[in-house]
């Protein structure tokens, strides 16, 4: 069972979504013949993944733009906070990524090479509530920053403000002024991206909310407005709900496309690519535009770059942990610390107490996870429990507001196989978690190969016998996304009584995808 491919070799068309991954709030640029994409990372760190493509369809991660966040609160999971909706730009020989922390401010990091290293975060504005920043350098050399607001942090919604910015992006030159605010036509307007074409300034901005909204474009002859507005992409009768928030890019031969996400619930916000043309000075996205210029998302479309290399590009998933560092797909639930893990002939996850006083998976900062890449997949993990204390355990989980886990557990007198069900019961951003033991059975050794099966019907667990046969475990467990993220396949090691203990040794992780 191979990795999902939106355009297998020999295809004349690609299929949407082009990536079945939780690439929330994508932004994309082209530099020469290379395309670069960044996405939100929230509480998962290192953060702001940066992907590279040559054909606009196949993507491979080449960097993390943020190694850690410079605030004490991110020593623990801060579900619902962290990095929202970054923007990437290339200007005067330098790559810039602008990113918002909705509780702390607007920050920027730079690199000469998109593969890094990326500079330490520099704060452009400190405070709560500014989100979705996007820089813009005009033809006369002046620079600007456009942004939206998070109602949950500052009580403001629907509004876009534009600030003057130093050309080197070292500081903002003023507090900004409102360039658009019409909650009746475009409620929950956010995620602005600012461009210029043929004497017009264009702001591409999603409206109407993540699950059911639309893509809006504003245009003006003056950067500060007033702006006309038009809806350019909506669901219509397609199955692509809320098609919005993304980036306009072009090809070297002058054709235009638009990247955006679709909210698929437990699978997160997956990546789509729409064709784009122009009519009467307005962009036309997707297909079958109505008389008002509102297009519909395409299910399939001819390849944007037919002869570009790209089929060998794919996000990482499997890992044999060769060391000496973790590979790209893995993120912790908080700022990583060196004492949490070691990569040497496998991944050793240390069993450490959680300072919150409870060792529930939702609270543990050193849970390690990655993004799933398909609607149906199997995660197979070979691990050994290296206990030092009773109630040490290590295993595999699918984490979200409703989650489940399978672990090897040291009872003090022997080893057990244990299944857990978890739920986040307080619907505040960080939430209050509860866990229940649903199954336990004696296990003859401290090593096992465990499997997590995910599909639209739910999550099932199994173990693999020495002859390779699978042995299912009882129960089908519900899965649910977390605050702003998909349910995430995860590895963990903990002591259920919240004591310091031994470690879990993860020798190999493999994913099997069924399209």
Protein backbone atom coordinates (compact mmCIF):
# COMPACT_ATOMS: atom_id res chain seq x y z
CA UNK A 1 0.00 0.00 0.00
CA UNK A 2 1.78 3.14 -1.21
CA UNK A 3 1.62 6.77 -0.26
CA UNK A 4 -1.25 8.72 -1.81
CA UNK A 5 -0.15 10.48 -5.01
CA UNK A 6 -2.35 13.14 -6.59
CA UNK A 7 -0.60 12.69 -9.95
CA UNK A 8 1.05 9.26 -10.39
CA UNK A 9 3.68 8.87 -13.15
CA UNK A 10 2.09 9.04 -16.58
CA UNK A 11 -0.90 11.08 -15.43
CA UNK A 12 -2.13 13.96 -17.55
CA UNK A 13 -4.14 15.41 -14.66
CA UNK A 14 -3.83 15.90 -10.93
CA UNK A 15 -6.52 15.14 -8.36
CA UNK A 16 -7.63 17.36 -5.49
CA UNK A 17 -6.77 17.45 -2.68
CA UNK A 18 -3.17 17.29 -3.83
CA UNK A 19 -2.00 16.47 -0.27
CA UNK A 20 -4.23 14.73 2.26
CA UNK A 21 -2.24 16.30 5.09
CA UNK A 22 -3.18 18.86 7.72
CA UNK A 23 -1.42 21.82 6.09
CA UNK A 24 -3.52 24.49 7.74
CA UNK A 25 -3.44 28.06 6.40
CA UNK A 26 -0.98 27.37 3.55
CA UNK A 27 1.08 30.09 1.94
CA UNK A 28 3.12 29.45 -1.21
CA UNK A 29 5.64 31.41 -3.28
CA UNK A 30 7.65 30.75 -6.44
CA UNK A 31 11.34 31.68 -6.69
CA UNK A 32 12.63 30.90 -10.17
CA UNK A 33 11.48 27.34 -10.88
CA UNK A 34 11.14 26.40 -7.21
CA UNK A 35 8.01 26.57 -5.06
CA UNK A 36 8.00 26.91 -1.27
CA UNK A 37 5.11 26.30 1.12
CA UNK A 38 4.63 27.03 4.84
CA UNK A 39 1.71 26.16 7.10
CA UNK A 40 0.47 26.64 10.66
CA UNK A 41 1.94 24.46 13.40
CA UNK A 42 0.08 25.65 16.56
CA UNK A 43 1.46 23.99 19.72
CA UNK A 44 3.54 21.40 17.81
CA UNK A 45 7.29 22.03 17.80
CA UNK A 46 9.65 22.45 16.08
CA UNK A 47 7.20 24.52 14.08
CA UNK A 48 6.29 26.13 10.75
CA UNK A 49 7.20 23.34 8.32
CA UNK A 50 8.66 24.51 5.01
CA UNK A 51 8.12 22.33 1.93
CA UNK A 52 9.75 22.51 -1.52
CA UNK A 53 8.34 21.48 -4.89
CA UNK A 54 9.37 21.68 -8.53
CA UNK A 55 6.04 20.66 -10.09
CA UNK A 56 3.53 22.38 -7.71
CA UNK A 57 2.04 19.00 -6.75
CA UNK A 58 4.67 16.86 -5.03
CA UNK A 59 6.19 18.36 -1.90
CA UNK A 60 9.12 17.47 0.34
CA UNK A 61 9.88 19.10 3.67
CA UNK A 62 13.28 20.80 3.81
CA UNK A 63 13.15 22.84 7.03
CA UNK A 64 11.48 23.87 10.23
CA UNK A 65 11.40 27.68 10.39
CA UNK A 66 10.98 27.72 14.19
CA UNK A 67 12.91 25.46 16.58
CA UNK A 68 11.12 26.70 19.72
CA UNK A 69 8.91 29.56 20.91
CA UNK A 70 10.48 32.12 23.29
CA UNK A 71 7.81 32.02 26.00
CA UNK A 72 7.63 29.93 29.18
CA UNK A 73 4.07 28.75 28.50
CA UNK A 74 5.30 26.59 25.60
CA UNK A 75 7.23 24.36 27.99
CA UNK A 76 3.87 22.55 28.18
CA UNK A 77 1.28 21.92 25.47
CA UNK A 78 -0.65 25.09 24.65
CA UNK A 79 -3.37 23.53 22.51
CA UNK A 80 -5.08 26.16 20.38
CA UNK A 81 -2.20 28.63 20.68
CA UNK A 82 1.25 28.75 19.11
CA UNK A 83 1.85 29.61 15.46
CA UNK A 84 -1.17 30.54 13.33
CA UNK A 85 -1.16 31.24 9.58
CA UNK A 86 2.41 32.17 8.63
CA UNK A 87 3.33 33.95 5.39
CA UNK A 88 6.45 33.37 3.30
CA UNK A 89 8.03 35.90 0.94
CA UNK A 90 11.30 36.34 -0.97
CA UNK A 91 12.66 39.87 -1.19
CA UNK A 92 16.04 41.30 -2.14
CA UNK A 93 17.85 37.97 -1.85
CA UNK A 94 16.34 36.95 1.48
CA UNK A 95 13.54 34.58 2.48
CA UNK A 96 11.12 35.92 5.11
CA UNK A 97 8.54 34.05 7.18
CA UNK A 98 6.11 36.22 9.14
CA UNK A 99 4.17 34.42 11.83
CA UNK A 100 1.61 35.31 14.49
CA UNK A 101 1.33 34.04 18.03
CA UNK A 102 -2.21 35.19 18.86
CA UNK A 103 -1.39 35.62 22.56
CA UNK A 104 2.05 37.18 22.15
CA UNK A 105 2.43 39.16 18.90
CA UNK A 106 3.76 39.22 15.35
CA UNK A 107 7.23 37.80 14.64
CA UNK A 108 9.56 37.37 11.67
CA UNK A 109 12.39 34.99 10.85
CA UNK A 110 14.72 35.10 7.83
CA UNK A 111 17.10 32.84 5.90
CA UNK A 112 19.32 33.12 2.85
CA UNK A 113 18.67 29.46 2.07
CA UNK A 114 15.10 28.18 2.58
CA UNK A 115 16.57 24.94 3.95
CA UNK A 116 17.95 27.04 6.80
CA UNK A 117 19.30 27.98 9.16
CA UNK A 118 16.46 30.35 10.02
CA UNK A 119 17.20 33.30 12.27
CA UNK A 120 15.87 33.61 15.84
CA UNK A 121 12.40 35.13 15.99
CA UNK A 122 12.28 38.93 15.97
CA UNK A 123 9.19 40.61 17.41
CA UNK A 124 7.55 43.24 15.20
CA UNK A 125 4.55 43.86 17.45
CA UNK A 126 3.88 42.62 20.99
CA UNK A 127 0.34 42.03 22.21
CA UNK A 128 -2.77 39.88 21.85
CA UNK A 129 -5.10 39.48 18.94
CA UNK A 130 -3.17 40.32 15.77
CA UNK A 131 -3.09 37.32 13.43
CA UNK A 132 -2.40 36.27 9.83
CA UNK A 133 0.34 38.79 8.95
CA UNK A 134 1.50 39.20 5.36
CA UNK A 135 4.29 41.56 4.23
CA UNK A 136 4.29 43.50 0.98
CA UNK A 137 7.09 45.44 -0.73
CA UNK A 138 5.81 47.96 -3.27
CA UNK A 139 7.47 49.03 -6.51
CA UNK A 140 8.77 52.26 -4.94
CA UNK A 141 10.60 50.34 -2.18
CA UNK A 142 8.09 51.06 0.58
CA UNK A 143 6.99 48.14 2.74
CA UNK A 144 3.75 47.22 4.49
CA UNK A 145 2.24 44.57 6.73
CA UNK A 146 -1.41 43.57 6.46
CA UNK A 147 -3.07 41.49 9.19
CA UNK A 148 -6.37 40.30 10.64
CA UNK A 149 -7.67 39.98 14.22
CA UNK A 150 -8.65 37.08 16.48
CA UNK A 151 -11.94 37.84 18.23
CA UNK A 152 -11.11 35.29 20.94
CA UNK A 153 -8.09 37.38 21.94
CA UNK A 154 -9.09 41.00 21.37
CA UNK A 155 -12.83 41.12 20.60
CA UNK A 156 -12.23 42.32 17.01
CA UNK A 157 -13.36 40.33 13.99
CA UNK A 158 -13.97 40.81 10.26
CA UNK A 159 -11.39 43.63 10.01
CA UNK A 160 -8.17 43.96 8.03
CA UNK A 161 -5.54 46.57 9.01
CA UNK A 162 -2.49 47.74 7.07
CA UNK A 163 0.71 49.03 8.73
CA UNK A 164 3.71 50.74 7.23
CA UNK A 165 6.85 48.69 7.80
CA UNK A 166 10.59 49.35 7.57
CA UNK A 167 11.87 47.97 4.24
CA UNK A 168 14.19 45.57 6.08
CA UNK A 169 11.22 44.27 8.15
CA UNK A 170 13.00 45.32 11.35
CA UNK A 171 10.03 47.26 12.77
CA UNK A 172 6.55 48.62 12.07
CA UNK A 173 6.42 52.36 11.37
CA UNK A 174 2.89 52.94 12.66
CA UNK A 175 -0.05 51.25 14.36
CA UNK A 176 -1.88 50.71 11.09
CA UNK A 177 -5.23 51.73 9.65
CA UNK A 178 -8.28 49.74 8.67
CA UNK A 179 -8.54 48.97 4.96
CA UNK A 180 -11.65 46.75 5.04
CA UNK A 181 -14.40 45.93 7.53
CA UNK A 182 -17.82 44.77 6.31
CA UNK A 183 -19.18 42.04 8.61
CA UNK A 184 -22.46 41.84 6.68
CA UNK A 185 -20.86 40.95 3.33
CA UNK A 186 -17.78 39.13 4.60
CA UNK A 187 -18.00 37.97 8.22
CA UNK A 188 -14.91 36.44 9.82
CA UNK A 189 -12.64 38.01 7.21
CA UNK A 190 -9.05 36.89 7.89
CA UNK A 191 -5.89 35.39 6.36
CA UNK A 192 -5.12 38.32 4.01
CA UNK A 193 -2.47 38.07 1.29
CA UNK A 194 -1.53 41.31 -0.49
CA UNK A 195 -0.39 41.50 -4.14
CA UNK A 196 -0.08 44.03 -6.97
CA UNK A 197 -0.95 43.51 -10.63
CA UNK A 198 -1.43 45.91 -13.54
CA UNK A 199 -1.81 48.97 -11.32
CA UNK A 200 -4.25 47.33 -8.91
CA UNK A 201 -3.67 46.20 -5.33
CA UNK A 202 -5.35 42.90 -4.52
CA UNK A 203 -6.08 41.39 -1.12
CA UNK A 204 -6.97 37.70 -1.20
CA UNK A 205 -8.80 36.90 2.06
CA UNK A 206 -11.07 34.06 3.24
CA UNK A 207 -14.39 34.86 4.85
CA UNK A 208 -17.38 33.08 6.34
CA UNK A 209 -15.52 30.67 8.62
CA UNK A 210 -13.33 27.64 8.10
CA UNK A 211 -15.98 24.98 7.53
CA UNK A 212 -18.46 26.84 5.34
CA UNK A 213 -16.76 29.99 4.05
CA UNK A 214 -15.58 31.32 0.72
CA UNK A 215 -12.62 33.08 -0.90
CA UNK A 216 -12.90 36.84 -1.21
CA UNK A 217 -10.74 39.16 -3.29
CA UNK A 218 -10.56 42.91 -2.66
CA UNK A 219 -9.04 45.38 -5.10
CA UNK A 220 -8.12 49.05 -5.14
CA UNK A 221 -5.98 51.53 -7.07
CA UNK A 222 -4.60 52.74 -3.72
CA UNK A 223 -2.96 50.43 -1.21
CA UNK A 224 -5.01 51.98 1.62
CA UNK A 225 -8.27 51.68 -0.32
CA UNK A 226 -11.14 52.04 -0.66
CA UNK A 227 -11.43 48.41 -1.79
CA UNK A 228 -14.06 46.78 -3.98
CA UNK A 229 -14.90 43.19 -3.10
CA UNK A 230 -15.90 40.03 -4.91
CA UNK A 231 -16.41 36.39 -3.95
CA UNK A 232 -14.26 34.35 -6.36
CA UNK A 233 -14.49 30.77 -5.02
CA UNK A 234 -17.24 28.94 -3.13
CA UNK A 235 -18.39 25.37 -2.56
CA UNK A 236 -21.48 25.46 -4.75
CA UNK A 237 -22.67 21.91 -5.41
CA UNK A 238 -19.24 20.38 -4.96
CA UNK A 239 -18.10 18.41 -1.89
CA UNK A 240 -15.29 20.89 -1.16
CA UNK A 241 -16.57 22.79 1.87
CA UNK A 242 -15.12 26.16 2.86
CA UNK A 243 -12.64 26.49 -0.03
CA UNK A 244 -10.43 29.39 1.02
CA UNK A 245 -7.26 30.73 2.69
CA UNK A 246 -4.19 30.27 0.62
CA UNK A 247 -1.93 31.79 -2.00
CA UNK A 248 -1.86 33.01 -5.57
CA UNK A 249 1.18 31.74 -7.47
CA UNK A 250 2.22 31.80 -11.09
CA UNK A 251 4.28 29.56 -13.33
CA UNK A 252 7.41 30.60 -15.24
CA UNK A 253 5.35 30.74 -18.44
CA UNK A 254 2.82 33.15 -16.88
CA UNK A 255 -0.14 30.96 -15.89
CA UNK A 256 -1.82 31.43 -12.50
CA UNK A 257 -2.99 29.06 -9.78
CA UNK A 258 -4.41 29.31 -6.27
CA UNK A 259 -3.59 27.06 -3.30
CA UNK A 260 -6.12 26.72 -0.50
CA UNK A 261 -7.26 24.34 2.20
CA UNK A 262 -10.42 22.37 2.86
CA UNK A 263 -11.42 21.45 6.42
CA UNK A 264 -11.82 17.66 6.58
CA UNK A 265 -12.48 17.46 10.33
CA UNK A 266 -10.45 14.70 11.94
CA UNK A 267 -8.05 14.77 8.96
CA UNK A 268 -7.41 18.49 9.33
CA UNK A 269 -7.11 21.12 6.62
CA UNK A 270 -5.95 19.48 3.40
CA UNK A 271 -4.30 21.14 0.41
CA UNK A 272 -6.05 21.92 -2.90
CA UNK A 273 -4.83 23.60 -6.08
CA UNK A 274 -7.18 25.61 -8.31
CA UNK A 275 -6.58 26.98 -11.81
CA UNK A 276 -6.86 30.75 -12.01
CA UNK A 277 -7.44 33.19 -14.88
CA UNK A 278 -8.30 36.88 -15.14
CA UNK A 279 -11.36 38.66 -16.50
CA UNK A 280 -12.03 42.42 -16.35
CA UNK A 281 -9.31 42.88 -13.76
CA UNK A 282 -10.65 40.19 -11.40
CA UNK A 283 -9.26 36.70 -10.75
CA UNK A 284 -11.45 33.75 -11.75
CA UNK A 285 -10.75 30.66 -9.65
CA UNK A 286 -11.69 27.03 -10.24
CA UNK A 287 -14.27 26.23 -12.90
CA UNK A 288 -17.81 27.06 -14.04
CA UNK A 289 -17.91 30.64 -12.69
CA UNK A 290 -21.41 32.05 -12.34
CA UNK A 291 -22.39 35.50 -13.75
CA UNK A 292 -20.99 37.11 -10.58
CA UNK A 293 -17.58 35.50 -11.14
CA UNK A 294 -17.83 32.90 -8.36
CA UNK A 295 -15.95 29.76 -9.38
CA UNK A 296 -16.29 26.21 -8.08
CA UNK A 297 -13.41 23.97 -6.94
CA UNK A 298 -12.09 21.52 -9.51
CA UNK A 299 -11.85 17.81 -8.74
CA UNK A 300 -9.16 17.27 -11.37
CA UNK A 301 -7.21 19.47 -13.78
CA UNK A 302 -4.35 19.17 -16.29
CA UNK A 303 -0.89 19.17 -14.74
CA UNK A 304 0.36 22.72 -14.18
CA UNK A 305 3.98 21.85 -15.11
CA UNK A 306 4.04 18.78 -17.30
CA UNK A 307 7.79 18.27 -17.61
CA UNK A 308 8.92 19.45 -14.19
CA UNK A 309 10.61 16.93 -11.88
CA UNK A 310 8.55 16.11 -8.83
CA UNK A 311 7.36 12.53 -8.69
CA UNK A 312 10.20 11.60 -6.34
CA UNK A 313 9.17 14.30 -3.88
CA UNK A 314 7.08 13.08 -0.96
CA UNK A 315 6.66 14.07 2.68
CA UNK A 316 8.52 11.78 5.06
CA UNK A 317 6.56 9.27 7.14
CA UNK A 318 8.45 6.03 7.83
CA UNK A 319 11.41 6.18 10.18
CA UNK A 320 14.03 3.70 11.34
CA UNK A 321 15.60 6.40 13.54
CA UNK A 322 19.15 6.15 12.19
CA UNK A 323 20.16 9.26 14.13
CA UNK A 324 21.75 11.30 15.37
CA UNK A 325 18.71 13.63 15.21
CA UNK A 326 14.99 13.22 14.66
CA UNK A 327 13.74 13.34 11.09
CA UNK A 328 11.48 16.06 9.69
CA UNK A 329 7.99 14.70 10.27
CA UNK A 330 8.25 14.51 14.06
CA UNK A 331 7.03 17.23 16.44
CA UNK A 332 6.56 17.42 20.20
CA UNK A 333 3.55 19.05 21.89
CA UNK A 334 5.78 21.78 23.38
CA UNK A 335 9.26 23.28 23.08
CA UNK A 336 11.61 20.29 22.67
CA UNK A 337 14.18 19.58 25.37
CA UNK A 338 17.31 17.45 24.90
CA UNK A 339 16.60 15.28 27.95
CA UNK A 340 13.37 14.03 26.40
CA UNK A 341 14.94 11.79 23.79
CA UNK A 342 18.03 10.28 22.22
CA UNK A 343 18.38 8.83 18.73
CA UNK A 344 20.91 6.01 18.86
CA UNK A 345 20.07 2.62 17.34
CA UNK A 346 16.44 3.67 17.62
CA UNK A 347 14.51 6.44 19.33
CA UNK A 348 14.73 6.44 23.13
CA UNK A 349 11.89 8.45 24.70
CA UNK A 350 12.56 9.17 28.37
CA UNK A 351 9.82 8.61 30.95
CA UNK A 352 9.58 11.87 32.88
CA UNK A 353 6.95 13.33 35.22
CA UNK A 354 4.65 16.01 33.85
CA UNK A 355 4.78 19.24 35.88
CA UNK A 356 0.99 19.53 35.57
CA UNK A 357 0.79 16.63 38.02
CA UNK A 358 -1.00 14.24 35.69
CA UNK A 359 0.56 12.07 33.02
CA UNK A 360 -2.40 12.12 30.62
CA UNK A 361 -1.29 12.16 26.99
CA UNK A 362 -3.07 15.45 26.28
CA UNK A 363 -0.89 17.15 28.91
CA UNK A 364 2.50 15.56 28.22
CA UNK A 365 4.92 17.87 26.41
CA UNK A 366 7.16 15.03 25.23
CA UNK A 367 4.55 13.16 23.18
CA UNK A 368 5.95 12.85 19.65
CA UNK A 369 3.66 13.00 16.62
CA UNK A 370 3.48 13.65 12.91
CA UNK A 371 0.83 14.50 10.31
CA UNK A 372 -1.15 11.66 8.76
CA UNK A 373 -1.14 11.59 4.94
CA UNK A 374 -4.29 9.73 3.95
CA UNK A 375 -7.89 8.99 4.95
CA UNK A 376 -7.05 5.34 5.62
CA UNK A 377 -3.70 4.25 6.98
CA UNK A 378 -1.93 1.82 9.28
CA UNK A 379 0.85 2.92 11.60
CA UNK A 380 3.11 0.03 12.60
CA UNK A 381 5.53 0.53 15.49
CA UNK A 382 8.17 -1.86 16.78
CA UNK A 383 9.20 -0.92 20.32
CA UNK A 384 10.72 -2.15 23.54
CA UNK A 385 9.78 -0.99 27.03
CA UNK A 386 12.83 -0.30 29.20
CA UNK A 387 11.19 0.15 32.60
CA UNK A 388 12.70 1.33 35.86
CA UNK A 389 9.52 1.79 37.88
CA UNK A 390 6.12 0.16 38.18
CA UNK A 391 3.60 1.80 35.82
CA UNK A 392 6.18 2.73 33.19
CA UNK A 393 4.75 2.29 29.70
CA UNK A 394 5.38 3.15 26.06
CA UNK A 395 3.18 2.93 23.01
CA UNK A 396 1.30 4.41 20.10
CA UNK A 397 -1.72 6.75 20.08
CA UNK A 398 -4.00 8.81 17.87
CA UNK A 399 -4.40 12.15 19.65
CA UNK A 400 -7.19 14.72 19.43
CA UNK A 401 -10.16 15.83 21.53
CA UNK A 402 -11.20 12.17 21.52
CA UNK A 403 -8.22 9.86 21.46
CA UNK A 404 -6.98 6.33 22.10
CA UNK A 405 -3.70 4.57 22.80
CA UNK A 406 -2.08 1.14 22.94
CA UNK A 407 0.89 0.58 25.25
CA UNK A 408 3.27 -1.93 26.74
CA UNK A 409 2.89 -1.42 30.50
CA UNK A 410 5.14 -2.56 33.37
CA UNK A 411 2.91 -3.52 36.29
CA UNK A 412 5.72 -4.21 38.73
CA UNK A 413 5.25 -7.96 38.52
CA UNK A 414 5.24 -8.26 34.74
CA UNK A 415 4.36 -6.67 31.42
CA UNK A 416 0.85 -5.99 30.13
CA UNK A 417 -0.71 -4.84 26.91
CA UNK A 418 -3.07 -1.93 27.65
CA UNK A 419 -5.68 -0.01 25.65
CA UNK A 420 -6.85 3.46 26.68
CA UNK A 421 -9.64 5.80 25.64
CA UNK A 422 -9.23 9.54 26.22
CA UNK A 423 -11.46 12.59 25.91
CA UNK A 424 -11.02 16.33 26.28
CA UNK A 425 -14.12 17.30 28.23
CA UNK A 426 -13.67 21.06 28.65
CA UNK A 427 -13.99 22.78 25.33
CA UNK A 428 -11.64 25.60 26.22
CA UNK A 429 -8.68 25.81 23.84
CA UNK A 430 -6.39 23.75 26.08
CA UNK A 431 -9.18 21.62 27.53
CA UNK A 432 -9.50 19.19 30.41
CA UNK A 433 -8.62 15.57 29.65
CA UNK A 434 -9.86 12.26 31.05
CA UNK A 435 -8.54 8.78 30.30
CA UNK A 436 -10.04 5.33 30.85
CA UNK A 437 -8.35 1.93 30.71
CA UNK A 438 -10.53 -0.24 28.42
CA UNK A 439 -8.47 -3.42 28.06
CA UNK A 440 -5.43 -5.13 29.60
CA UNK A 441 -3.83 -8.53 29.18
CA UNK A 442 -0.55 -10.12 30.22
CA UNK A 443 2.30 -9.80 27.71
CA UNK A 444 5.21 -12.27 27.70
CA UNK A 445 8.06 -9.84 27.01
CA UNK A 446 9.08 -6.16 26.88
CA UNK A 447 9.06 -5.95 23.07
CA UNK A 448 6.17 -5.82 20.61
CA UNK A 449 5.11 -4.71 17.15
CA UNK A 450 1.89 -2.74 17.48
CA UNK A 451 -0.48 -1.44 14.85
CA UNK A 452 -2.88 1.49 14.75
CA UNK A 453 -5.49 1.35 11.97
CA UNK A 454 -7.26 4.60 11.08
CA UNK A 455 -10.19 4.93 8.67
CA UNK A 456 -13.46 6.90 8.56
CA UNK A 457 -15.15 4.29 10.79
CA UNK A 458 -12.71 4.87 13.65
CA UNK A 459 -9.47 3.59 15.16
CA UNK A 460 -8.59 -0.07 15.73
CA UNK A 461 -5.50 -1.57 17.34
CA UNK A 462 -3.64 -4.85 16.91
CA UNK A 463 -0.36 -6.60 17.60
CA UNK A 464 1.75 -8.60 15.18
CA UNK A 465 2.72 -12.19 15.94
CA UNK A 466 6.24 -13.53 15.20
CA UNK A 467 4.91 -15.20 12.05
CA UNK A 468 3.66 -11.81 10.78
CA UNK A 469 -0.01 -12.49 11.42
CA UNK A 470 -2.03 -9.66 12.87
CA UNK A 471 -3.93 -10.17 16.13
CA UNK A 472 -6.75 -7.61 16.52
CA UNK A 473 -7.56 -6.11 19.91
CA UNK A 474 -11.14 -5.38 21.03
CA UNK A 475 -12.91 -2.14 20.27
CA UNK A 476 -13.29 0.57 17.65
CA UNK A 477 -12.37 3.95 19.08
CA UNK A 478 -13.69 7.34 17.97
CA UNK A 479 -11.24 9.93 16.69
CA UNK A 480 -11.65 13.69 16.76
CA UNK A 481 -9.48 16.64 15.78
CA UNK A 482 -7.91 18.84 18.44
CA UNK A 483 -8.25 22.62 18.86
CA UNK A 484 -7.17 23.59 15.33
CA UNK A 485 -5.36 20.46 14.19
CA UNK A 486 -6.06 17.01 12.80
CA UNK A 487 -5.91 13.88 14.91
CA UNK A 488 -2.22 12.99 14.99
CA UNK A 489 -0.54 9.54 15.07
CA UNK A 490 1.83 9.66 18.04
CA UNK A 491 4.51 7.91 20.07
CA UNK A 492 4.76 8.22 23.84
CA UNK A 493 6.52 6.99 26.96
CA UNK A 494 5.19 7.81 30.42
CA UNK A 495 4.58 6.60 33.95
CA UNK A 496 0.85 6.47 34.66
CA UNK A 497 1.51 7.55 38.27
CA UNK A 498 3.51 10.52 36.96
CA UNK A 499 6.88 9.34 38.26
CA UNK A 500 10.29 9.44 36.61
CA UNK A 501 11.06 6.05 35.11
CA UNK A 502 12.89 4.28 32.33
CA UNK A 503 12.27 4.78 28.62
CA UNK A 504 10.58 3.51 25.52
CA UNK A 505 12.82 2.37 22.68
CA UNK A 506 11.14 2.78 19.29
CA UNK A 507 13.04 0.80 16.69
CA UNK A 508 10.94 1.40 13.61
CA UNK A 509 7.81 3.23 12.45
CA UNK A 510 6.12 2.38 9.16
CA UNK A 511 2.96 3.71 7.53
CA UNK A 512 0.81 1.77 5.09
CA UNK A 513 -1.67 3.78 3.03
CA UNK A 514 -4.76 2.46 1.29
CA UNK A 515 -6.16 4.84 -1.31
